[in-house]
Amino acid sequence: MLRGLLSATTTGLFCSGFAFFVSQISPMLNNSQILATSFVSGFLGSVVAQMIIRK
């Protein structure tokens, strides 16, 4: 239970930071690029959280 909460929190923090970065460059992106960027954010956030939890 605690491991799942830690993973979700880490993923959320990573994604919020990534979303801030994307919001800074979003006027230059079209809808498909924003969708792809959102996917990358979630994917990388999950990978980072798993790497942190394993250590």
Protein backbone atom coordinates (compact mmCIF):
# COMPACT_ATOMS: atom_id res chain seq x y z
CA MET A 1 0.00 0.00 0.00
CA LEU A 2 2.71 2.46 1.02
CA ARG A 3 4.81 1.51 -2.01
CA GLY A 4 1.88 2.25 -4.32
CA LEU A 5 1.30 5.65 -2.72
CA LEU A 6 4.99 6.50 -3.02
CA SER A 7 4.99 5.50 -6.68
CA ALA A 8 1.85 7.54 -7.41
CA THR A 9 3.22 10.58 -5.56
CA THR A 10 6.56 10.40 -7.35
CA THR A 11 4.86 10.02 -10.72
CA GLY A 12 2.56 12.95 -9.93
CA LEU A 13 5.46 15.20 -8.94
CA PHE A 14 7.41 14.32 -12.05
CA CYS A 15 4.40 14.90 -14.30
CA SER A 16 3.56 18.23 -12.68
CA GLY A 17 7.12 19.45 -13.29
CA PHE A 18 6.99 18.18 -16.85
CA ALA A 19 3.59 19.85 -17.37
CA PHE A 20 5.03 23.16 -16.20
CA PHE A 21 7.80 22.86 -18.79
CA VAL A 22 5.29 21.98 -21.51
CA SER A 23 3.08 24.93 -20.56
CA GLN A 24 6.03 27.22 -21.23
CA ILE A 25 6.45 25.94 -24.79
CA SER A 26 2.83 24.97 -25.55
CA PRO A 27 2.06 27.94 -27.84
CA MET A 28 4.55 26.39 -30.27
CA LEU A 29 2.90 22.93 -30.17
CA ASN A 30 -0.15 21.57 -31.97
CA ASN A 31 -2.69 19.20 -30.39
CA SER A 32 -1.02 15.95 -31.49
CA GLN A 33 2.33 17.16 -30.11
CA ILE A 34 0.70 18.03 -26.77
CA LEU A 35 -0.89 14.55 -26.62
CA ALA A 36 2.46 12.92 -27.39
CA THR A 37 4.16 15.07 -24.77
CA SER A 38 1.55 14.08 -22.19
CA PHE A 39 2.15 10.40 -22.96
CA VAL A 40 5.91 10.86 -22.59
CA SER A 41 5.35 12.66 -19.28
CA GLY A 42 3.28 9.83 -17.84
CA PHE A 43 5.60 7.14 -19.19
CA LEU A 44 8.78 8.78 -17.90
CA GLY A 45 7.12 9.67 -14.60
CA SER A 46 6.25 6.03 -14.04
CA VAL A 47 9.77 4.88 -14.98
CA VAL A 48 11.38 7.45 -12.67
CA ALA A 49 9.08 6.46 -9.80
CA GLN A 50 9.90 2.76 -10.26
CA MET A 51 13.62 3.52 -10.33
CA ILE A 52 13.40 5.59 -7.13
CA ILE A 53 11.37 2.97 -5.30
CA ARG A 54 13.74 0.14 -6.26
CA LYS A 55 16.72 1.94 -4.71
